N, C-alpha and C. Protein backbone atom coordinates (compact mmCIF):
# COMPACT_ATOMS: atom_id res chain seq x y z
N MET A 1 0.84 -1.18 0.00
CA MET A 1 0.00 0.00 0.00
C MET A 1 0.89 1.24 0.00
N LEU A 2 0.49 2.23 -0.76
CA LEU A 2 1.21 3.51 -0.81
C LEU A 2 0.81 4.36 0.40
N THR A 3 1.66 5.31 0.77
CA THR A 3 1.40 6.13 1.94
C THR A 3 1.37 7.61 1.57
N PRO A 4 0.61 8.42 2.32
CA PRO A 4 0.59 9.85 2.06
C PRO A 4 2.00 10.43 2.08
N GLY A 5 2.28 11.31 1.11
CA GLY A 5 3.59 11.92 0.98
C GLY A 5 4.54 11.15 0.09
N GLN A 6 4.16 9.94 -0.30
CA GLN A 6 5.03 9.12 -1.13
C GLN A 6 5.01 9.61 -2.58
N ALA A 7 6.18 9.72 -3.18
CA ALA A 7 6.30 10.13 -4.58
C ALA A 7 5.96 8.94 -5.47
N VAL A 8 5.12 9.19 -6.48
CA VAL A 8 4.70 8.15 -7.42
C VAL A 8 4.77 8.69 -8.84
N ARG A 9 4.72 7.78 -9.78
CA ARG A 9 4.66 8.14 -11.19
C ARG A 9 3.51 7.33 -11.80
N VAL A 10 2.75 7.98 -12.68
CA VAL A 10 1.71 7.27 -13.40
C VAL A 10 2.39 6.48 -14.51
N LYS A 11 2.03 5.22 -14.62
CA LYS A 11 2.66 4.37 -15.63
C LYS A 11 2.47 4.95 -17.03
N LEU A 12 3.51 4.88 -17.81
CA LEU A 12 3.46 5.33 -19.19
C LEU A 12 3.04 4.12 -20.03
N ASP A 13 1.75 3.84 -20.02
CA ASP A 13 1.20 2.66 -20.68
C ASP A 13 0.02 3.09 -21.54
N TRP A 14 -0.20 2.40 -22.63
CA TRP A 14 -1.28 2.72 -23.56
C TRP A 14 -2.04 1.43 -23.90
N PRO A 15 -2.80 0.87 -22.94
CA PRO A 15 -3.50 -0.39 -23.19
C PRO A 15 -4.52 -0.30 -24.32
N GLU A 16 -4.99 0.89 -24.62
CA GLU A 16 -5.96 1.04 -25.70
C GLU A 16 -5.37 0.69 -27.07
N THR A 17 -4.04 0.65 -27.16
CA THR A 17 -3.40 0.24 -28.42
C THR A 17 -3.37 -1.27 -28.57
N ARG A 18 -3.73 -2.00 -27.49
CA ARG A 18 -3.69 -3.46 -27.52
C ARG A 18 -5.08 -4.07 -27.67
N GLY A 19 -6.10 -3.24 -27.79
CA GLY A 19 -7.46 -3.76 -27.95
C GLY A 19 -8.45 -3.01 -27.10
N PRO A 20 -9.71 -3.44 -27.14
CA PRO A 20 -10.75 -2.73 -26.38
C PRO A 20 -10.44 -2.72 -24.88
N CYS A 21 -10.64 -1.57 -24.27
CA CYS A 21 -10.41 -1.44 -22.84
C CYS A 21 -11.20 -0.26 -22.29
N HIS A 22 -11.26 -0.19 -20.99
CA HIS A 22 -11.89 0.92 -20.28
C HIS A 22 -10.83 1.48 -19.35
N ILE A 23 -10.54 2.77 -19.47
CA ILE A 23 -9.45 3.38 -18.70
C ILE A 23 -9.99 4.57 -17.93
N ARG A 24 -9.67 4.62 -16.63
CA ARG A 24 -10.07 5.75 -15.80
C ARG A 24 -8.90 6.68 -15.51
N THR A 25 -7.78 6.51 -16.20
CA THR A 25 -6.59 7.34 -15.97
C THR A 25 -6.44 8.33 -17.11
N PRO A 26 -6.46 9.63 -16.82
CA PRO A 26 -6.35 10.63 -17.89
C PRO A 26 -5.04 10.49 -18.68
N HIS A 27 -5.15 10.65 -19.99
CA HIS A 27 -3.97 10.56 -20.86
C HIS A 27 -2.88 11.53 -20.43
N TYR A 28 -3.27 12.75 -20.06
CA TYR A 28 -2.27 13.78 -19.76
C TYR A 28 -1.43 13.47 -18.53
N LEU A 29 -1.83 12.47 -17.75
CA LEU A 29 -1.06 12.12 -16.55
C LEU A 29 -0.07 10.98 -16.77
N ARG A 30 -0.19 10.27 -17.86
CA ARG A 30 0.68 9.11 -18.07
C ARG A 30 2.13 9.56 -18.18
N GLY A 31 2.97 8.94 -17.34
CA GLY A 31 4.38 9.29 -17.29
C GLY A 31 4.69 10.43 -16.35
N GLN A 32 3.68 11.05 -15.75
CA GLN A 32 3.89 12.20 -14.87
C GLN A 32 4.11 11.76 -13.43
N SER A 33 4.86 12.55 -12.68
CA SER A 33 5.13 12.28 -11.27
C SER A 33 4.25 13.13 -10.38
N GLY A 34 3.84 12.55 -9.26
CA GLY A 34 3.01 13.24 -8.29
C GLY A 34 3.30 12.72 -6.89
N VAL A 35 2.45 13.12 -5.95
CA VAL A 35 2.61 12.73 -4.55
C VAL A 35 1.26 12.22 -4.04
N VAL A 36 1.28 11.09 -3.35
CA VAL A 36 0.06 10.55 -2.76
C VAL A 36 -0.44 11.51 -1.68
N GLU A 37 -1.69 11.93 -1.80
CA GLU A 37 -2.32 12.78 -0.78
C GLU A 37 -2.97 11.92 0.30
N ARG A 38 -3.77 10.92 -0.16
CA ARG A 38 -4.43 10.05 0.81
C ARG A 38 -4.97 8.80 0.14
N HIS A 39 -5.13 7.78 0.95
CA HIS A 39 -5.72 6.51 0.52
C HIS A 39 -7.23 6.65 0.67
N LEU A 40 -7.98 6.29 -0.36
CA LEU A 40 -9.43 6.44 -0.34
C LEU A 40 -10.17 5.15 -0.03
N GLY A 41 -9.46 4.03 -0.03
CA GLY A 41 -10.10 2.74 0.24
C GLY A 41 -9.79 1.75 -0.87
N ARG A 42 -10.43 0.58 -0.76
CA ARG A 42 -10.28 -0.48 -1.77
C ARG A 42 -11.61 -0.66 -2.47
N PHE A 43 -11.56 -0.77 -3.79
CA PHE A 43 -12.76 -0.85 -4.60
C PHE A 43 -12.58 -1.86 -5.73
N PRO A 44 -13.69 -2.41 -6.25
CA PRO A 44 -13.59 -3.28 -7.42
C PRO A 44 -13.02 -2.50 -8.60
N ASN A 45 -12.14 -3.14 -9.34
CA ASN A 45 -11.47 -2.50 -10.48
C ASN A 45 -12.48 -2.18 -11.58
N PRO A 46 -12.73 -0.88 -11.86
CA PRO A 46 -13.71 -0.52 -12.89
C PRO A 46 -13.28 -0.90 -14.29
N GLU A 47 -11.97 -1.08 -14.50
CA GLU A 47 -11.49 -1.48 -15.82
C GLU A 47 -11.88 -2.92 -16.13
N GLN A 48 -12.12 -3.72 -15.10
CA GLN A 48 -12.62 -5.08 -15.28
C GLN A 48 -14.14 -5.10 -15.28
N LEU A 49 -14.76 -4.33 -14.40
CA LEU A 49 -16.22 -4.27 -14.32
C LEU A 49 -16.85 -3.83 -15.65
N ALA A 50 -16.17 -2.95 -16.37
CA ALA A 50 -16.71 -2.43 -17.64
C ALA A 50 -16.95 -3.53 -18.66
N PHE A 51 -16.26 -4.65 -18.52
CA PHE A 51 -16.41 -5.77 -19.46
C PHE A 51 -17.02 -6.99 -18.79
N ALA A 52 -17.67 -6.78 -17.64
CA ALA A 52 -18.34 -7.85 -16.89
C ALA A 52 -17.37 -8.97 -16.49
N ARG A 53 -16.12 -8.61 -16.27
CA ARG A 53 -15.13 -9.57 -15.78
C ARG A 53 -15.15 -9.54 -14.26
N PRO A 54 -14.85 -10.64 -13.61
CA PRO A 54 -14.77 -10.61 -12.15
C PRO A 54 -13.66 -9.64 -11.72
N PRO A 55 -14.01 -8.63 -10.96
CA PRO A 55 -12.99 -7.61 -10.63
C PRO A 55 -12.17 -7.97 -9.40
N GLN A 56 -10.90 -7.62 -9.46
CA GLN A 56 -10.09 -7.66 -8.26
C GLN A 56 -10.35 -6.37 -7.49
N THR A 57 -10.14 -6.40 -6.20
CA THR A 57 -10.29 -5.20 -5.37
C THR A 57 -8.93 -4.53 -5.27
N ILE A 58 -8.88 -3.23 -5.60
CA ILE A 58 -7.60 -2.52 -5.62
C ILE A 58 -7.71 -1.18 -4.88
N ASP A 59 -6.56 -0.67 -4.47
CA ASP A 59 -6.50 0.59 -3.71
C ASP A 59 -6.67 1.79 -4.62
N LEU A 60 -7.40 2.78 -4.11
CA LEU A 60 -7.64 4.04 -4.82
C LEU A 60 -7.05 5.18 -3.99
N TYR A 61 -6.39 6.11 -4.68
CA TYR A 61 -5.67 7.21 -4.00
C TYR A 61 -6.02 8.56 -4.61
N HIS A 62 -5.91 9.60 -3.80
CA HIS A 62 -5.83 10.97 -4.30
C HIS A 62 -4.34 11.23 -4.51
N VAL A 63 -3.99 11.63 -5.74
CA VAL A 63 -2.60 11.94 -6.06
C VAL A 63 -2.54 13.39 -6.53
N ARG A 64 -1.60 14.14 -5.97
CA ARG A 64 -1.44 15.56 -6.29
C ARG A 64 -0.31 15.74 -7.30
N PHE A 65 -0.59 16.55 -8.32
CA PHE A 65 0.40 16.86 -9.36
C PHE A 65 0.59 18.37 -9.41
N ASP A 66 1.81 18.80 -9.67
CA ASP A 66 2.13 20.21 -9.82
C ASP A 66 1.50 20.71 -11.13
N GLN A 67 0.57 21.65 -11.03
CA GLN A 67 -0.15 22.13 -12.23
C GLN A 67 0.76 22.76 -13.28
N PRO A 68 1.68 23.65 -12.92
CA PRO A 68 2.54 24.23 -13.97
C PRO A 68 3.34 23.18 -14.74
N SER A 69 3.72 22.08 -14.09
CA SER A 69 4.46 21.02 -14.78
C SER A 69 3.60 20.31 -15.80
N LEU A 70 2.29 20.19 -15.52
CA LEU A 70 1.39 19.48 -16.43
C LEU A 70 1.04 20.31 -17.65
N TRP A 71 0.71 21.59 -17.42
CA TRP A 71 0.13 22.41 -18.50
C TRP A 71 0.88 23.70 -18.80
N GLN A 72 2.02 23.91 -18.12
CA GLN A 72 2.78 25.14 -18.29
C GLN A 72 1.90 26.37 -18.07
N GLN A 73 0.98 26.25 -17.13
CA GLN A 73 0.11 27.35 -16.71
C GLN A 73 -0.03 27.30 -15.20
N GLY A 74 -0.36 28.42 -14.62
CA GLY A 74 -0.57 28.48 -13.19
C GLY A 74 0.66 28.99 -12.46
N GLN A 75 0.51 29.08 -11.17
CA GLN A 75 1.56 29.62 -10.32
C GLN A 75 2.19 28.51 -9.48
N GLN A 76 3.37 28.77 -8.98
CA GLN A 76 4.02 27.83 -8.08
C GLN A 76 3.06 27.53 -6.93
N GLY A 77 2.84 26.27 -6.62
CA GLY A 77 1.92 25.88 -5.55
C GLY A 77 0.57 25.44 -6.06
N ASP A 78 0.20 25.79 -7.31
CA ASP A 78 -1.06 25.32 -7.88
C ASP A 78 -0.95 23.82 -8.12
N ALA A 79 -2.03 23.10 -7.85
CA ALA A 79 -1.98 21.64 -7.97
C ALA A 79 -3.25 21.10 -8.59
N VAL A 80 -3.13 19.90 -9.13
CA VAL A 80 -4.24 19.12 -9.65
C VAL A 80 -4.27 17.84 -8.83
N VAL A 81 -5.44 17.50 -8.26
CA VAL A 81 -5.58 16.28 -7.48
C VAL A 81 -6.52 15.34 -8.23
N VAL A 82 -6.07 14.11 -8.44
CA VAL A 82 -6.80 13.14 -9.25
C VAL A 82 -6.92 11.83 -8.49
N GLU A 83 -8.06 11.15 -8.64
CA GLU A 83 -8.23 9.81 -8.08
C GLU A 83 -7.63 8.80 -9.05
N LEU A 84 -6.67 8.01 -8.56
CA LEU A 84 -6.01 7.01 -9.40
C LEU A 84 -5.92 5.68 -8.65
N TYR A 85 -6.17 4.61 -9.39
CA TYR A 85 -6.02 3.28 -8.84
C TYR A 85 -4.56 2.87 -8.81
N GLU A 86 -4.21 2.06 -7.82
CA GLU A 86 -2.82 1.67 -7.62
C GLU A 86 -2.23 0.91 -8.82
N THR A 87 -3.06 0.24 -9.59
CA THR A 87 -2.55 -0.48 -10.76
C THR A 87 -1.90 0.46 -11.77
N TRP A 88 -2.22 1.75 -11.72
CA TRP A 88 -1.64 2.73 -12.64
C TRP A 88 -0.45 3.46 -12.04
N LEU A 89 -0.11 3.16 -10.79
CA LEU A 89 0.95 3.92 -10.12
C LEU A 89 2.17 3.06 -9.87
N GLU A 90 3.34 3.71 -9.94
CA GLU A 90 4.59 3.07 -9.57
C GLU A 90 5.35 4.05 -8.67
N VAL A 91 6.15 3.51 -7.77
CA VAL A 91 6.94 4.36 -6.88
C VAL A 91 7.95 5.12 -7.71
N ALA A 92 8.03 6.43 -7.47
CA ALA A 92 8.97 7.28 -8.25
C ALA A 92 10.35 7.25 -7.64
């Protein structure tokens, strides 16, 4: 399990190039680094539920990203917070 304050990176993966899939991770975050804000709990994997597959239960987190790094807009300290499942995160 990841912990608040831990640096993470969103996996640079493109499963949609391998066939039909359901993805809850924004394209603009793939390959980007952020910091875990908090653990939100464990939930059935929506990427499996979308295809009526038996879902595994996985951890969901709020992850904070530096806004100017993402979009070259905003001021120092501006942030974007996104809910991401642990299957999309790797320790940075």
